[in-house]
């Protein structure tokens, strides 16, 4: 289970590894026993699924990213509105969108005591660009022609084509800054983050200690992090994690379903944390290539009109989602977001189906992973489609099959539900999933006008013009696009009432615990 393909292609959907069904009681009891000692001293226990890859360049799951977020820093940080903020780079500039220069923060040390230099930045990004290394970011940084240290405190990136949002690209979750002295980050963890890795036992736990060399201080000048350490306790059972949270064996659990969020909210010993919406969305994709009913734009529009988005939220994730407008560009993207609520009109949907030659309805098979809220979405959507004469057969399969290479693959099936994590810039979705021939164009859709708009967005330096181009592209997706976006999730986590200082990131996996602390 993962939120990206095992082969780690660029920007694949990233699975949170959250299983919504209950598991055997024995597993839950085993987990409770494994962490029964609870947090000790000034240490917080975090319940999370087991990571799959410790090398940041190959992070593919939420646990991978969450763990690395505590151990490493990035050249540029993203705030909760996806706006670039200083990280290991204090400032940056570009006269033309093609040459970008970053000033590197001075006095920063890695967890082994060695000094961060501009050469470490160059090493990190050249490694990400190297096709022989094979990181998912090879495609993301394909536009980069050169990375060099112009002096001890400046790194310069040269691009083939202008990129007005390059500062967001260097904040990609794979781009944690590595020490050039570490040959294999999957085996040796040396970062500049708030914590350092003390021990790691696969399928059991990771023990982190405070990084005494951490450079960041709070507003009062106190060095971060506040905690002495963290324990990441690995278990696949989200229900068992919440039970351990209620029992005090752990103090933090992330990636809650609506049902588990309600459990946390109703427990006076716990607090429910939520992040801004837009972190995560689902897509019901419809194959739009020749030979399929949904190659006809009228059929695609009919299925969109027959979808009751608010009803999906009410039944699947009440209070923890906002309605999707038919595009991957959610409300957190502010000026880029097209604030246009989707239309629900089953009568018109039936008319369009009849016009397309399906007056007696349509039979389709919808592939749904056995994870997250996917089965629930499939069941509710099935009932909605029945009202417009579309008979939906739900085919469930494990996530590793859905994201595999077989006939049930998300890139092959006619109808499927795919989950996508938050991206720093919405054009990323367009480039990897919607333009003609894109690597993750699961709908096999091709629209020359949309392609042209995306090409313009990629290089338009004027913010006002770029926002207009974004909205034009979204209008096309709404009018004749190949997907239904039921809603954008609001991330939810549970924390013990005596823990404070945690701000949940839009994509909860990118939450840092550097300011977490206990309160009396």
Foldseek 3Di string as FASTA:
>chain_A
DFQAFQLAAAQHGTDQLAFPDFDDPVQLVVLCVLLVVFADDQEFEEEGAFFDFCQLLRGIYLQNLLVVLQQFWFCWAAAQLLDTAGIQFHDWDDPAQFKIKTFGDPQFAKLVGHGDWLVLLQLLVVCSCDVVNPGNCVVVCVQWDDWDAPDGGMIMTGGNAGFQPVSQSSNPRSRTRDDPVDPDSRVDGIHRGQWHWDDDDGQAKTKIAGRPRRDDDDPVRHDWQPGGIYIYGHDSHLVSSLVSCLVNSGFKYWDDWQVSLVVQVPRPQKDKAWGDWLFKFKKWFAALDPPDLLVDLLLLLLLQQLDDLVVLCVQTPPPFWAFDQLASDDCSNPLLDDPDHGHHDLVSSLVSCVVSPPNQAEEFEEEFESRDSGVVSLVVSQVSRVSNRYHYHYDYDHPNVCCDDDCNHLLHGRTYMRMHGHGSDRLVCCQQAPDQPHVNVSNNDYDVVLNVLSVCLRRDNDPVVNSVSSNVSVVCSNSRNGIHTSTTGIIMMMGGPQKDDWHQHNNNSSTYCTHIGGHD
